[in-house]
Amino acid sequence: MKEYILSQLKKSAKNYELFMQHTKINEIHIQKNRIFLENITKDRGYGIRIYNKGIGFSSSNIGTFFAINKTIKDAKKSASLSEKVQFQFPSQKKFKTVKSVDKKIKENAEHEIRDFAEQILNIIPKDVLISFGKLRTYDSYTDIINSEGLNVRKEESDFMIEMSLIVEKNGKKVEFWPHQYRTRIQDISISDIERWIKIARDQLKAKAPKTERTTVIFSPSSVLDGLGSVIGTHASASAKVNGITKLVPEEKVAVKDLTIISDGLYPYGLMTNSFDDEGNPQRKINIIEKGIFKNYVYDQFYGIKDNHESTGNGLRQGDVFFVFDGKYGVQPTDQISNFYIKPGKKSLEKLISEVKHGILVDKFSWLSPDSISGTFSSQISAGYYIDNGEIADPIKGGLVTGNFFDLIQNISGISNESKIISGGTILAGVCPYIRFENVLVAGE
């Protein structure tokens, strides 16, 4: 199929790109604390970009001659109708070797995913019900070929787990629903499952927080959703070119303890690979260094538009739903890679011990800040009071509100371990716990 697509592209267009992806998906469903479905599927498709004064795009997962020719025709028509821009597809370059693949998924995903599911079921207590759970592995390889001589292949692996944990006691029922992605299965541990079980149990006795301004510690996934969404937007070259960024190079924007990097080379990160989804080398880009804004990130389009080389940040990732097996269906856009926050010097336990009164938020119901203004207001799905330096009563409900541009000026501590994490609104991060001061909590 690849050869036929390329032969037809060469006849139809001078400037083109073929993005082909093949993915094998292993899936296990858990219902009522037992495995009830095991499934293997395959997804294969292609996306075509054509540049002819404008950039056109079309995609398909159908490999017939008719479908291929129609997809090329649609991309060509799209190019003719699109805004006229300056553009050129990337040429072949040298790439760094990175750690981006779980060999266990590549070699024996079916066995590994079942073994992990059985480990989970072996440690689930009788008072905790997995009403529904899903484990899934993705084993992908992708070819990117264009008219500039680029011809590269990358392999990827991903693991997804989500579970509805239900605990019921004395007529009261609560549900806790963790949902996480990793590159390797081993990056979700049984201790993570045990922590989720504890949180679910604790929610049985959780109460709404009171209204106050107080110290709040955000979990790594909450840090990713909050700062990743806001800083990631404003650090993009698209925000710079379109005049919506609040970030100016060499200006102080945060406390000196905060350093943020777009790190496409971080070992086993969810966005880690030698090159991006256009074929440009990924790299480490210092976005904020010791509180000072340093650099924007560029894909191919905005690099040309702003007279700057691509930084390898042309990534095919949806704005709403994370894409692993259908990247061929979306175009690359200018966005952060692995959102890495450098760890601090204190353990989480030390950060907690220094708090006379405050809140630790494990999970928000849905933390999706306004990426332009930085404002947010989100309900606590699972959290704890901190009293006299110790974790105290569990809390649930109430709203944490504020603005992330203000919060990063009021950081009082960053934990000494950054963890590979996924969020609810941002896919890929390597983030620590962060302690913020003077945060508004609206409760009872």
Protein backbone atom coordinates (compact mmCIF):
# COMPACT_ATOMS: atom_id res chain seq x y z
CA MET A 1 0.00 0.00 0.00
CA LYS A 2 2.81 2.41 0.86
CA GLU A 3 4.42 2.04 -2.54
CA TYR A 4 1.16 2.64 -4.35
CA ILE A 5 0.35 5.76 -2.29
CA LEU A 6 3.81 7.19 -2.99
CA SER A 7 3.57 6.45 -6.71
CA GLN A 8 0.25 8.27 -6.91
CA LEU A 9 1.48 11.16 -4.79
CA LYS A 10 4.46 11.69 -7.06
CA LYS A 11 2.08 11.93 -10.03
CA SER A 12 -0.30 14.33 -8.27
CA ALA A 13 1.84 16.72 -6.25
CA LYS A 14 5.27 18.30 -6.16
CA ASN A 15 5.33 18.82 -2.38
CA TYR A 16 3.81 16.10 -0.23
CA GLU A 17 4.06 14.14 2.99
CA LEU A 18 2.85 10.62 3.76
CA PHE A 19 2.29 9.67 7.41
CA MET A 20 1.49 5.96 7.81
CA GLN A 21 0.79 4.25 11.12
CA HIS A 22 0.16 0.62 12.04
CA THR A 23 -0.92 -0.23 15.61
CA LYS A 24 -1.64 -3.50 17.39
CA ILE A 25 -3.89 -3.06 20.43
CA ASN A 26 -4.23 -5.58 23.26
CA GLU A 27 -7.12 -4.94 25.60
CA ILE A 28 -8.50 -6.48 28.78
CA HIS A 29 -11.77 -5.46 30.44
CA ILE A 30 -12.45 -6.09 34.11
CA GLN A 31 -15.97 -6.18 35.48
CA LYS A 32 -16.97 -6.90 39.05
CA ASN A 33 -13.44 -7.96 40.02
CA ARG A 34 -12.98 -10.48 37.24
CA ILE A 35 -11.63 -10.50 33.70
CA PHE A 36 -14.56 -10.75 31.32
CA LEU A 37 -13.08 -9.69 27.97
CA GLU A 38 -9.73 -10.02 26.19
CA ASN A 39 -9.35 -8.60 22.74
CA ILE A 40 -6.71 -7.90 20.09
CA THR A 41 -7.34 -5.39 17.31
CA LYS A 42 -5.26 -3.71 14.66
CA ASP A 43 -5.53 -0.20 13.29
CA ARG A 44 -3.79 0.99 10.14
CA GLY A 45 -4.16 4.25 8.32
CA TYR A 46 -2.46 7.08 6.50
CA GLY A 47 -2.55 10.85 6.50
CA ILE A 48 -1.52 12.91 3.50
CA ARG A 49 -0.42 16.53 3.46
CA ILE A 50 0.07 18.37 0.18
CA TYR A 51 1.57 21.83 -0.13
CA ASN A 52 0.55 23.87 -3.14
CA LYS A 53 0.58 27.50 -1.97
CA GLY A 54 -1.76 26.28 0.79
CA ILE A 55 -1.46 23.16 2.99
CA GLY A 56 -4.04 20.47 2.40
CA PHE A 57 -4.73 17.39 4.52
CA SER A 58 -6.78 14.23 4.25
CA SER A 59 -6.63 10.80 5.86
CA SER A 60 -8.10 7.33 5.61
CA ASN A 61 -7.85 3.83 7.09
CA ILE A 62 -9.04 2.18 3.89
CA GLY A 63 -6.36 0.74 1.63
CA THR A 64 -8.24 0.25 -1.65
CA PHE A 65 -7.00 1.96 -4.81
CA PHE A 66 -10.19 4.03 -4.92
CA ALA A 67 -9.84 5.20 -1.29
CA ILE A 68 -6.17 6.07 -1.74
CA ASN A 69 -6.79 8.11 -4.87
CA LYS A 70 -9.74 9.88 -3.25
CA THR A 71 -7.66 10.74 -0.18
CA ILE A 72 -4.94 12.23 -2.38
CA LYS A 73 -7.54 14.14 -4.37
CA ASP A 74 -9.13 15.49 -1.19
CA ALA A 75 -5.76 16.62 0.19
CA LYS A 76 -4.97 18.35 -3.09
CA LYS A 77 -8.34 20.09 -3.12
CA SER A 78 -7.88 21.11 0.51
CA ALA A 79 -4.54 22.70 -0.39
CA SER A 80 -6.15 24.77 -3.14
CA LEU A 81 -8.82 26.04 -0.74
CA SER A 82 -6.49 26.76 2.19
CA GLU A 83 -4.83 30.03 3.12
CA LYS A 84 -1.77 30.76 1.00
CA VAL A 85 1.36 30.39 3.15
CA GLN A 86 5.11 29.87 2.95
CA PHE A 87 5.97 26.25 3.76
CA GLN A 88 8.41 23.46 3.07
CA PHE A 89 8.44 19.93 4.41
CA PRO A 90 11.46 18.91 6.55
CA SER A 91 14.48 17.24 5.01
CA GLN A 92 16.38 14.25 6.40
CA LYS A 93 18.45 15.03 9.50
CA LYS A 94 20.45 13.22 12.17
CA PHE A 95 18.59 12.02 15.24
CA LYS A 96 19.59 11.15 18.78
CA THR A 97 18.96 7.68 20.11
CA VAL A 98 16.37 7.70 22.90
CA LYS A 99 14.62 5.25 25.21
CA SER A 100 11.03 5.27 24.01
CA VAL A 101 9.78 1.69 23.74
CA ASP A 102 8.66 -0.98 26.20
CA LYS A 103 10.22 -4.19 24.91
CA LYS A 104 7.71 -6.23 26.90
CA ILE A 105 4.86 -4.67 24.95
CA LYS A 106 6.68 -5.24 21.67
CA GLU A 107 7.57 -8.86 22.43
CA ASN A 108 4.70 -10.26 24.48
CA ALA A 109 1.98 -7.71 25.16
CA GLU A 110 -0.81 -10.26 25.53
CA HIS A 111 0.98 -12.07 28.38
CA GLU A 112 2.20 -8.90 30.09
CA ILE A 113 -1.16 -7.16 30.17
CA ARG A 114 -2.94 -10.25 31.49
CA ASP A 115 -0.29 -10.76 34.15
CA PHE A 116 -0.75 -7.17 35.33
CA ALA A 117 -4.53 -7.54 35.38
CA GLU A 118 -4.22 -10.67 37.50
CA GLN A 119 -1.86 -8.90 39.92
CA ILE A 120 -4.48 -6.17 40.36
CA LEU A 121 -7.25 -8.68 41.04
CA ASN A 122 -5.08 -10.49 43.57
CA ILE A 123 -4.70 -7.39 45.74
CA ILE A 124 -8.22 -5.96 45.46
CA PRO A 125 -9.84 -6.14 48.94
CA LYS A 126 -13.31 -7.61 49.34
CA ASP A 127 -14.81 -4.24 50.21
CA VAL A 128 -13.59 -2.64 46.96
CA LEU A 129 -15.35 -3.33 43.66
CA ILE A 130 -13.87 -2.69 40.25
CA SER A 131 -17.21 -2.06 38.57
CA PHE A 132 -15.37 -1.49 35.31
CA GLY A 133 -11.71 -1.50 34.38
CA LYS A 134 -9.76 -1.35 31.15
CA LEU A 135 -6.12 -2.13 30.44
CA ARG A 136 -4.74 -1.53 26.98
CA THR A 137 -1.36 -1.72 25.24
CA TYR A 138 -0.47 -0.01 21.97
CA ASP A 139 2.32 -1.37 19.77
CA SER A 140 2.89 1.03 16.86
CA TYR A 141 5.27 1.78 14.08
CA THR A 142 5.06 4.86 11.90
CA ASP A 143 6.58 5.84 8.55
CA ILE A 144 7.02 9.47 7.54
CA ILE A 145 8.01 10.06 3.92
CA ASN A 146 7.99 13.35 2.05
CA SER A 147 9.03 15.00 -1.18
CA GLU A 148 12.17 16.52 0.45
CA GLY A 149 13.80 13.08 0.75
CA LEU A 150 12.77 12.38 4.33
CA ASN A 151 12.14 8.67 4.92
CA VAL A 152 12.03 7.65 8.58
CA ARG A 153 10.35 5.04 10.75
CA LYS A 154 9.70 5.17 14.48
CA GLU A 155 8.42 2.59 16.91
CA GLU A 156 6.20 3.45 19.87
CA SER A 157 4.61 1.62 22.77
CA ASP A 158 2.00 2.83 25.21
CA PHE A 159 0.01 1.48 28.14
CA MET A 160 -3.35 2.71 29.43
CA ILE A 161 -5.24 1.82 32.59
CA GLU A 162 -8.54 3.11 33.91
CA MET A 163 -10.71 1.74 36.70
CA SER A 164 -13.93 2.60 38.44
CA LEU A 165 -13.26 1.74 42.10
CA ILE A 166 -16.42 1.59 44.18
CA VAL A 167 -16.49 1.36 47.96
CA GLU A 168 -19.71 1.01 49.93
CA LYS A 169 -20.27 1.05 53.69
CA ASN A 170 -23.28 1.70 55.92
CA GLY A 171 -25.40 2.66 52.94
CA LYS A 172 -22.90 5.20 51.58
CA LYS A 173 -21.24 4.57 48.22
CA VAL A 174 -18.33 6.41 46.59
CA GLU A 175 -16.53 6.00 43.28
CA PHE A 176 -12.93 6.87 42.45
CA TRP A 177 -11.92 6.67 38.79
CA PRO A 178 -8.16 6.83 38.06
CA HIS A 179 -7.13 6.98 34.42
CA GLN A 180 -3.44 6.95 33.47
CA TYR A 181 -1.13 6.45 30.48
CA ARG A 182 2.51 5.38 30.37
CA THR A 183 5.05 4.23 27.78
CA ARG A 184 5.90 1.11 29.82
CA ILE A 185 3.63 -1.18 31.82
CA GLN A 186 6.12 -1.19 34.69
CA ASP A 187 5.72 2.57 35.14
CA ILE A 188 2.36 1.86 36.79
CA SER A 189 3.11 -0.19 39.90
CA ILE A 190 0.98 -2.27 42.22
CA SER A 191 1.73 0.32 44.89
CA ASP A 192 -0.02 2.87 42.64
CA ILE A 193 -3.10 0.62 42.59
CA GLU A 194 -2.93 0.27 46.39
CA ARG A 195 -2.76 4.07 46.73
CA TRP A 196 -5.86 4.44 44.52
CA ILE A 197 -7.66 1.89 46.69
CA LYS A 198 -6.75 3.87 49.83
CA ILE A 199 -8.03 7.08 48.28
CA ALA A 200 -11.30 5.37 47.31
CA ARG A 201 -11.76 4.06 50.85
CA ASP A 202 -10.93 7.43 52.40
CA GLN A 203 -13.60 9.13 50.30
CA LEU A 204 -16.26 7.31 52.32
CA LYS A 205 -15.55 9.64 55.22
CA ALA A 206 -14.58 12.69 53.17
CA LYS A 207 -16.23 16.04 53.86
CA ALA A 208 -16.40 19.26 51.89
CA PRO A 209 -13.63 21.75 52.70
CA LYS A 210 -14.35 25.11 54.28
CA THR A 211 -13.96 28.41 52.46
CA GLU A 212 -10.54 29.98 53.05
CA ARG A 213 -7.29 31.13 51.53
CA THR A 214 -4.72 28.53 52.37
CA THR A 215 -1.70 26.49 51.33
CA VAL A 216 -2.49 23.91 48.63
CA ILE A 217 -0.22 21.12 47.39
CA PHE A 218 -1.01 19.95 43.84
CA SER A 219 -0.29 16.35 42.80
CA PRO A 220 1.92 15.77 39.71
CA SER A 221 -1.07 15.10 37.42
CA SER A 222 -2.78 18.27 38.67
CA VAL A 223 0.41 20.26 38.09
CA LEU A 224 0.52 18.88 34.54
CA ASP A 225 -3.10 19.75 33.76
CA GLY A 226 -2.77 23.22 35.24
CA LEU A 227 0.66 24.50 34.31
CA GLY A 228 0.99 22.26 31.26
CA SER A 229 -2.13 23.68 29.68
CA VAL A 230 -1.40 27.35 30.44
CA ILE A 231 2.40 27.54 30.07
CA GLY A 232 2.33 25.11 27.16
CA THR A 233 -0.06 27.37 25.27
CA HIS A 234 1.84 30.59 25.94
CA ALA A 235 5.24 29.02 25.19
CA SER A 236 4.13 27.93 21.71
CA ALA A 237 5.34 29.85 18.68
CA SER A 238 1.75 29.86 17.46
CA ALA A 239 0.80 31.97 20.52
CA LYS A 240 3.74 34.28 19.83
CA VAL A 241 3.01 34.73 16.14
CA ASN A 242 -0.71 35.25 16.75
CA GLY A 243 -0.04 37.79 19.51
CA ILE A 244 -1.73 36.00 22.41
CA THR A 245 1.26 34.97 24.54
CA LYS A 246 1.93 36.64 27.88
CA LEU A 247 5.49 35.32 27.95
CA VAL A 248 8.37 37.56 26.89
CA PRO A 249 11.94 36.20 26.66
CA GLU A 250 14.17 37.05 29.64
CA GLU A 251 11.28 38.33 31.76
CA LYS A 252 10.74 36.93 35.27
CA VAL A 253 7.44 35.04 35.37
CA ALA A 254 7.83 32.73 38.38
CA VAL A 255 9.85 32.03 41.51
CA LYS A 256 13.48 31.13 40.88
CA ASP A 257 12.89 27.50 41.95
CA LEU A 258 10.72 26.83 38.88
CA THR A 259 12.36 25.40 35.75
CA ILE A 260 10.16 23.98 32.98
CA ILE A 261 11.45 22.10 29.93
CA SER A 262 9.78 20.72 26.84
CA ASP A 263 11.79 17.49 26.77
CA GLY A 264 11.14 15.23 23.81
CA LEU A 265 14.14 13.08 24.77
CA TYR A 266 13.14 12.21 28.36
CA PRO A 267 13.63 8.43 28.84
CA TYR A 268 10.29 6.61 28.39
CA GLY A 269 8.20 9.78 28.42
CA LEU A 270 4.85 9.59 26.67
CA MET A 271 5.99 11.97 23.90
CA THR A 272 9.57 10.71 23.75
CA ASN A 273 11.05 9.87 20.36
CA SER A 274 14.06 10.74 18.24
CA PHE A 275 11.92 12.92 15.98
CA ASP A 276 8.52 14.56 16.02
CA ASP A 277 5.50 13.74 13.85
CA GLU A 278 6.88 15.78 10.96
CA GLY A 279 10.34 14.21 10.98
CA ASN A 280 12.28 16.97 12.77
CA PRO A 281 14.64 16.00 15.62
CA GLN A 282 13.14 16.31 19.09
CA ARG A 283 15.23 18.07 21.74
CA LYS A 284 15.21 19.70 25.17
CA ILE A 285 13.90 23.26 25.13
CA ASN A 286 14.17 25.38 28.27
CA ILE A 287 10.85 27.19 28.53
CA ILE A 288 11.25 28.71 32.00
CA GLU A 289 14.70 28.62 33.63
CA LYS A 290 14.90 29.57 37.31
CA GLY A 291 11.77 31.65 36.98
CA ILE A 292 12.85 33.42 33.75
CA PHE A 293 11.04 32.75 30.47
CA LYS A 294 13.55 31.63 27.84
CA ASN A 295 12.19 29.99 24.69
CA TYR A 296 9.17 29.23 22.55
CA VAL A 297 8.64 25.84 20.92
CA TYR A 298 8.28 25.53 17.13
CA ASP A 299 6.80 23.12 14.65
CA GLN A 300 7.71 23.31 10.95
CA PHE A 301 4.95 25.75 10.00
CA TYR A 302 5.55 28.32 12.75
CA GLY A 303 9.30 27.92 12.41
CA ILE A 304 9.08 29.09 8.81
CA LYS A 305 6.53 31.78 9.69
CA ASP A 306 8.74 33.20 12.47
CA ASN A 307 12.09 32.69 10.71
CA HIS A 308 13.17 30.08 13.26
CA GLU A 309 14.11 26.43 12.84
CA SER A 310 11.70 23.80 14.09
CA THR A 311 12.46 22.65 17.64
CA GLY A 312 10.87 19.26 16.95
CA ASN A 313 7.49 20.21 18.42
CA GLY A 314 5.24 19.30 15.49
CA LEU A 315 3.16 16.66 17.27
CA ARG A 316 0.00 14.84 16.29
CA GLN A 317 -2.06 14.94 19.45
CA GLY A 318 -5.72 15.80 19.83
CA ASP A 319 -6.90 18.72 21.95
CA VAL A 320 -9.63 16.70 23.67
CA PHE A 321 -8.89 12.99 23.32
CA PHE A 322 -5.39 11.53 23.46
CA VAL A 323 -4.37 9.81 20.26
CA PHE A 324 -2.15 6.73 20.10
CA ASP A 325 -3.59 4.50 17.39
CA GLY A 326 -5.06 7.15 15.10
CA LYS A 327 -2.38 9.81 14.76
CA TYR A 328 -2.67 9.56 10.97
CA GLY A 329 -6.11 11.18 11.32
CA VAL A 330 -4.86 14.49 12.76
CA GLN A 331 -2.37 17.04 11.50
CA PRO A 332 0.76 17.97 13.47
CA THR A 333 0.44 21.12 15.54
CA ASP A 334 2.84 23.31 17.47
CA GLN A 335 2.82 22.04 21.06
CA ILE A 336 4.97 21.07 24.01
CA SER A 337 6.46 17.59 24.15
CA ASN A 338 7.02 15.99 27.57
CA PHE A 339 6.21 18.86 29.99
CA TYR A 340 9.11 18.42 32.43
CA ILE A 341 9.38 20.39 35.67
CA LYS A 342 12.73 20.03 37.38
CA PRO A 343 12.37 18.59 40.88
CA GLY A 344 13.13 20.63 43.98
CA LYS A 345 15.19 19.75 47.04
CA LYS A 346 12.56 18.63 49.57
CA SER A 347 10.66 15.36 49.82
CA LEU A 348 6.88 15.39 49.69
CA GLU A 349 6.90 14.41 53.36
CA LYS A 350 9.02 17.49 54.15
CA LEU A 351 6.71 19.76 52.13
CA ILE A 352 3.76 18.44 54.13
CA SER A 353 5.57 18.67 57.48
CA GLU A 354 6.17 22.40 56.97
CA VAL A 355 2.44 23.15 56.55
CA LYS A 356 0.57 24.20 59.71
CA HIS A 357 -2.74 24.12 57.86
CA GLY A 358 -3.50 23.42 54.22
CA ILE A 359 -4.79 20.97 51.62
CA LEU A 360 -3.23 18.23 49.49
CA VAL A 361 -5.17 17.67 46.26
CA ASP A 362 -4.67 14.20 44.80
CA LYS A 363 -7.21 14.62 42.02
CA PHE A 364 -9.50 17.27 40.62
CA SER A 365 -12.78 16.35 39.00
CA TRP A 366 -11.67 18.12 35.82
CA LEU A 367 -8.88 20.67 35.85
CA SER A 368 -9.09 22.50 32.55
CA PRO A 369 -7.95 26.12 32.99
CA ASP A 370 -8.53 28.85 30.46
CA SER A 371 -5.29 28.42 28.56
CA ILE A 372 -5.17 32.09 27.51
CA SER A 373 -6.04 33.91 30.75
CA GLY A 374 -4.69 31.22 33.10
CA THR A 375 -7.78 31.29 35.31
CA PHE A 376 -9.30 28.09 36.69
CA SER A 377 -11.98 26.83 39.04
CA SER A 378 -12.13 23.10 39.67
CA GLN A 379 -13.78 20.77 42.15
CA ILE A 380 -11.67 18.58 44.42
CA SER A 381 -12.37 14.94 43.57
CA ALA A 382 -10.00 13.54 46.20
CA GLY A 383 -7.86 15.37 48.73
CA TYR A 384 -6.77 15.70 52.35
CA TYR A 385 -6.46 18.38 54.95
CA ILE A 386 -2.98 18.97 56.31
CA ASP A 387 -2.90 19.93 60.00
CA ASN A 388 0.26 20.59 62.01
CA GLY A 389 2.46 19.01 59.36
CA GLU A 390 0.51 15.77 58.99
CA ILE A 391 -2.09 14.36 56.61
CA ALA A 392 -5.47 14.65 58.33
CA ASP A 393 -9.12 14.23 57.27
CA PRO A 394 -10.03 13.41 53.66
CA ILE A 395 -11.96 16.04 51.73
CA LYS A 396 -14.08 16.06 48.59
CA GLY A 397 -16.03 18.80 46.83
CA GLY A 398 -15.52 22.51 47.08
CA LEU A 399 -13.68 24.52 44.44
CA VAL A 400 -10.07 25.54 44.14
CA THR A 401 -9.91 28.75 42.13
CA GLY A 402 -7.23 31.12 40.95
CA ASN A 403 -4.89 31.98 38.11
CA PHE A 404 -1.79 29.96 37.26
CA PHE A 405 0.21 33.05 36.34
CA ASP A 406 -0.35 34.19 39.93
CA LEU A 407 0.24 30.74 41.43
CA ILE A 408 3.72 30.36 39.93
CA GLN A 409 4.68 33.57 41.72
CA ASN A 410 3.55 31.98 44.98
CA ILE A 411 5.32 28.62 44.94
CA SER A 412 6.75 27.75 48.36
CA GLY A 413 8.03 24.26 47.61
CA ILE A 414 8.68 21.69 44.88
CA SER A 415 9.15 18.02 45.70
CA ASN A 416 12.46 16.32 44.96
CA GLU A 417 11.02 13.74 42.60
CA SER A 418 9.43 14.39 39.21
CA LYS A 419 7.30 11.50 37.97
CA ILE A 420 6.28 10.46 34.47
CA ILE A 421 2.58 11.24 34.49
CA SER A 422 -0.44 11.82 32.29
CA GLY A 423 -3.22 14.25 33.01
CA GLY A 424 -6.85 14.72 32.15
CA THR A 425 -6.33 17.60 29.72
CA ILE A 426 -2.62 17.34 28.91
CA LEU A 427 -1.12 14.00 27.90
CA ALA A 428 2.56 13.93 28.69
CA GLY A 429 4.44 15.26 31.68
CA VAL A 430 7.25 14.63 34.13
CA CYS A 431 6.10 16.57 37.15
CA PRO A 432 6.63 16.90 40.92
CA TYR A 433 4.29 17.90 43.71
CA ILE A 434 4.15 21.70 44.01
CA ARG A 435 3.11 23.70 47.06
CA PHE A 436 1.31 26.99 46.42
CA GLU A 437 0.50 29.69 48.96
CA ASN A 438 -2.57 31.92 49.36
CA VAL A 439 -4.88 29.78 47.22
CA LEU A 440 -8.64 30.34 47.39
CA VAL A 441 -10.72 27.29 48.33
CA ALA A 442 -14.48 27.80 48.10
CA GLY A 443 -16.29 25.27 50.24
CA GLU A 444 -18.93 25.29 52.94
